[in-house]
Protein backbone atom coordinates (compact mmCIF):
# COMPACT_ATOMS: atom_id res chain seq x y z
CA MET A 1 2.66 0.99 -15.30
CA THR A 2 2.09 3.42 -18.17
CA LEU A 3 2.20 6.65 -17.65
CA ASP A 4 -0.18 9.51 -19.64
CA ILE A 5 1.22 12.91 -21.38
CA GLU A 6 -0.23 14.85 -18.13
CA GLU A 7 1.29 12.46 -15.47
CA LYS A 8 5.22 12.24 -16.94
CA LYS A 9 5.03 16.09 -17.27
CA ALA A 10 4.06 16.12 -13.04
CA LEU A 11 6.42 12.95 -12.17
CA SER A 12 9.36 15.06 -14.28
CA ARG A 13 8.36 17.84 -13.09
CA TYR A 14 8.36 16.42 -9.70
CA ARG A 15 12.24 14.98 -10.36
CA LEU A 16 13.24 19.07 -11.90
CA GLU A 17 12.43 20.27 -8.20
CA LYS A 18 14.18 17.60 -6.31
CA ALA A 19 17.17 18.03 -7.98
CA ASP A 20 17.39 21.40 -7.59
CA SER A 21 16.19 21.20 -4.24
CA LEU A 22 19.24 18.45 -3.97
CA LEU A 23 21.47 20.04 -5.79
CA GLU A 24 20.80 23.20 -2.46
CA ASP A 25 21.41 20.94 -0.60
CA ALA A 26 25.39 20.44 -2.19
CA ALA A 27 25.89 23.71 -2.23
CA LEU A 28 25.58 24.34 1.76
CA LEU A 29 27.65 21.11 2.58
CA LEU A 30 30.19 22.20 0.00
CA SER A 31 30.28 25.50 2.18
CA ASN A 32 30.48 23.75 5.33
CA GLY A 33 33.51 22.01 4.59
CA ARG A 34 30.94 18.05 4.47
CA TRP A 35 33.02 17.58 1.05
CA ASP A 36 31.64 13.38 0.58
CA SER A 37 27.85 14.54 1.83
CA SER A 38 28.48 17.42 -0.81
CA ILE A 39 29.43 14.92 -3.44
CA ASN A 40 26.01 11.88 -3.01
CA ARG A 41 24.05 14.98 -2.96
CA SER A 42 24.76 16.10 -5.85
CA TYR A 43 25.52 13.26 -7.90
CA TYR A 44 22.18 11.87 -6.93
CA ALA A 45 20.77 15.59 -7.70
CA ALA A 46 22.10 14.70 -11.66
CA LEU A 47 19.88 11.64 -11.31
CA HIS A 48 17.39 13.05 -10.86
CA ALA A 49 17.43 15.41 -13.62
CA ALA A 50 18.48 12.16 -16.30
CA LYS A 51 15.41 10.69 -15.08
CA ALA A 52 13.41 14.17 -15.53
CA VAL A 53 14.37 14.01 -18.71
CA LEU A 54 14.26 9.50 -19.58
CA ILE A 55 10.70 9.60 -18.53
CA LEU A 56 9.19 12.01 -20.69
CA PHE A 57 10.64 9.32 -23.66
CA GLY A 58 8.47 6.66 -21.48
CA ILE A 59 11.90 5.41 -20.34
CA ASP A 60 12.09 5.00 -16.18
CA PRO A 61 14.53 3.12 -15.32
CA VAL A 62 15.01 1.54 -11.78
CA SER A 63 18.67 1.59 -11.06
CA HIS A 64 21.31 3.45 -11.51
CA GLU A 65 22.91 2.04 -14.05
CA GLY A 66 19.77 1.69 -15.88
CA VAL A 67 19.68 5.97 -15.94
CA LYS A 68 23.60 5.93 -16.89
CA SER A 69 23.25 3.41 -19.57
CA MET A 70 20.01 5.21 -20.79
CA VAL A 71 21.43 8.83 -21.22
CA GLY A 72 24.26 6.88 -23.27
CA LYS A 73 21.64 5.72 -25.25
CA LYS A 74 18.48 7.95 -25.41
CA LEU A 75 19.83 11.14 -25.22
CA ILE A 76 23.88 10.95 -26.43
CA LEU A 77 23.73 8.16 -29.19
CA GLY A 78 19.43 10.15 -30.40
CA GLY A 79 21.69 13.57 -30.37
CA PHE A 80 20.20 15.70 -27.57
CA LEU A 81 23.00 15.66 -25.30
CA GLU A 82 27.40 16.38 -25.98
CA LYS A 83 29.17 13.57 -24.96
CA GLU A 84 30.52 15.41 -21.51
CA TYR A 85 27.25 15.44 -20.66
CA GLY A 86 27.76 11.39 -20.57
CA ARG A 87 31.07 11.37 -19.45
CA TRP A 88 30.02 14.33 -16.36
CA PHE A 89 27.18 12.21 -15.23
CA ARG A 90 29.42 8.52 -15.47
CA SER A 91 32.08 10.86 -13.00
CA LEU A 92 28.88 11.70 -10.80
CA GLN A 93 28.62 8.37 -10.04
CA PHE A 94 32.02 7.45 -9.41
CA GLN A 95 32.90 9.87 -6.28
CA ARG A 96 30.18 9.14 -5.57
CA GLU A 97 30.41 5.77 -4.93
CA ASP A 98 33.68 6.26 -3.70
CA VAL A 99 32.68 8.31 -0.77
CA ASP A 100 30.03 5.96 -0.69
CA TYR A 101 31.28 2.66 -0.25
CA ALA A 102 35.78 2.82 -0.34
CA ASP A 103 37.35 2.76 2.47
CA TYR A 104 39.96 5.21 3.42
CA VAL A 105 38.86 6.80 0.53
CA THR A 106 38.93 11.34 1.74
CA SER A 107 38.21 13.51 -0.47
CA GLU A 108 39.05 17.43 -1.06
CA LYS A 109 36.97 20.76 -1.77
CA LYS A 110 38.38 20.56 -5.15
CA ASP A 111 36.94 17.03 -5.92
CA ALA A 112 33.19 18.83 -4.58
CA GLU A 113 33.82 21.84 -5.80
CA GLU A 114 34.09 19.62 -9.68
CA ALA A 115 31.50 17.32 -8.52
CA PHE A 116 28.71 20.05 -8.21
CA ASN A 117 29.90 22.46 -11.32
CA ASN A 118 29.42 19.55 -13.13
CA ALA A 119 25.64 18.11 -11.70
CA SER A 120 25.12 21.58 -12.05
CA GLN A 121 25.40 22.20 -15.57
CA PHE A 122 24.12 18.72 -15.96
CA ILE A 123 21.26 19.78 -14.19
CA GLU A 124 21.12 22.68 -16.58
CA LYS A 125 21.46 20.65 -20.12
CA MET A 126 18.59 19.23 -18.91
CA LYS A 127 16.52 21.60 -18.20
CA GLU A 128 17.94 22.97 -21.87
CA VAL A 129 17.00 19.33 -23.44
CA ILE A 130 13.49 19.26 -22.63
CA PHE A 131 12.91 22.90 -23.38
CA ARG A 132 14.75 23.29 -27.05
CA HIS A 133 14.79 19.00 -27.84
CA ILE A 134 12.33 16.55 -26.25
CA HIS A 135 9.32 19.04 -26.46
CA THR A 136 9.73 18.09 -29.97
CA VAL A 137 10.02 15.06 -30.64
CA PRO A 138 8.23 13.15 -29.17
CA PHE A 139 4.64 14.94 -28.74
CA GLY A 140 4.90 16.83 -31.90
CA CYS A 141 3.95 20.55 -30.82
CA LYS A 142 6.56 22.95 -28.54
CA ILE A 143 3.57 24.04 -26.40
CA TRP A 144 3.70 21.93 -23.73
CA ALA A 145 7.30 22.13 -22.97
CA TYR A 146 7.11 25.26 -21.51
CA PRO A 147 4.98 25.44 -18.81
CA LEU A 148 6.91 22.42 -16.86
CA ILE A 149 10.01 23.92 -17.91
CA GLU A 150 8.80 28.18 -16.61
CA PRO A 151 9.42 27.88 -12.83
CA PHE A 152 13.40 26.87 -13.09
CA ILE A 153 13.61 29.22 -15.54
CA LYS A 154 12.36 31.64 -13.14
CA ARG A 155 13.70 30.96 -10.45
CA ASN A 156 17.51 30.68 -11.95
CA VAL A 157 17.23 33.92 -13.29
């Protein structure tokens, strides 16, 4: 399936909205002592934010590993992200896998807080990438990204 630029923008906007919603869920779970579930939602929030950026490059990985790989190959090696964001994303993925699948794994409040904080910073960076970088590289103009990101800027100010 090939998407035109307007469809990519719409899908990116939807994924950013979903990322924000999942992060709100993570915060609620964190405040209610549901550490494992908060870690899960924090990871999925970051995953959707990464996919929001990647689709603008025409990249739409179908697996978690594919997203992780493309974050490294396209965003970090491409100079859009610092390496620490890749480490945070991998860490979130490992934490989520542990709380979802590993036996006898217990997470603590500090684990959930770290996951939430890393996901929050990762999502903000994805929005920055969209606003400051991606709109100039593949599409040759600075106009289109602001309407995409404007609702998130206003909501978070």
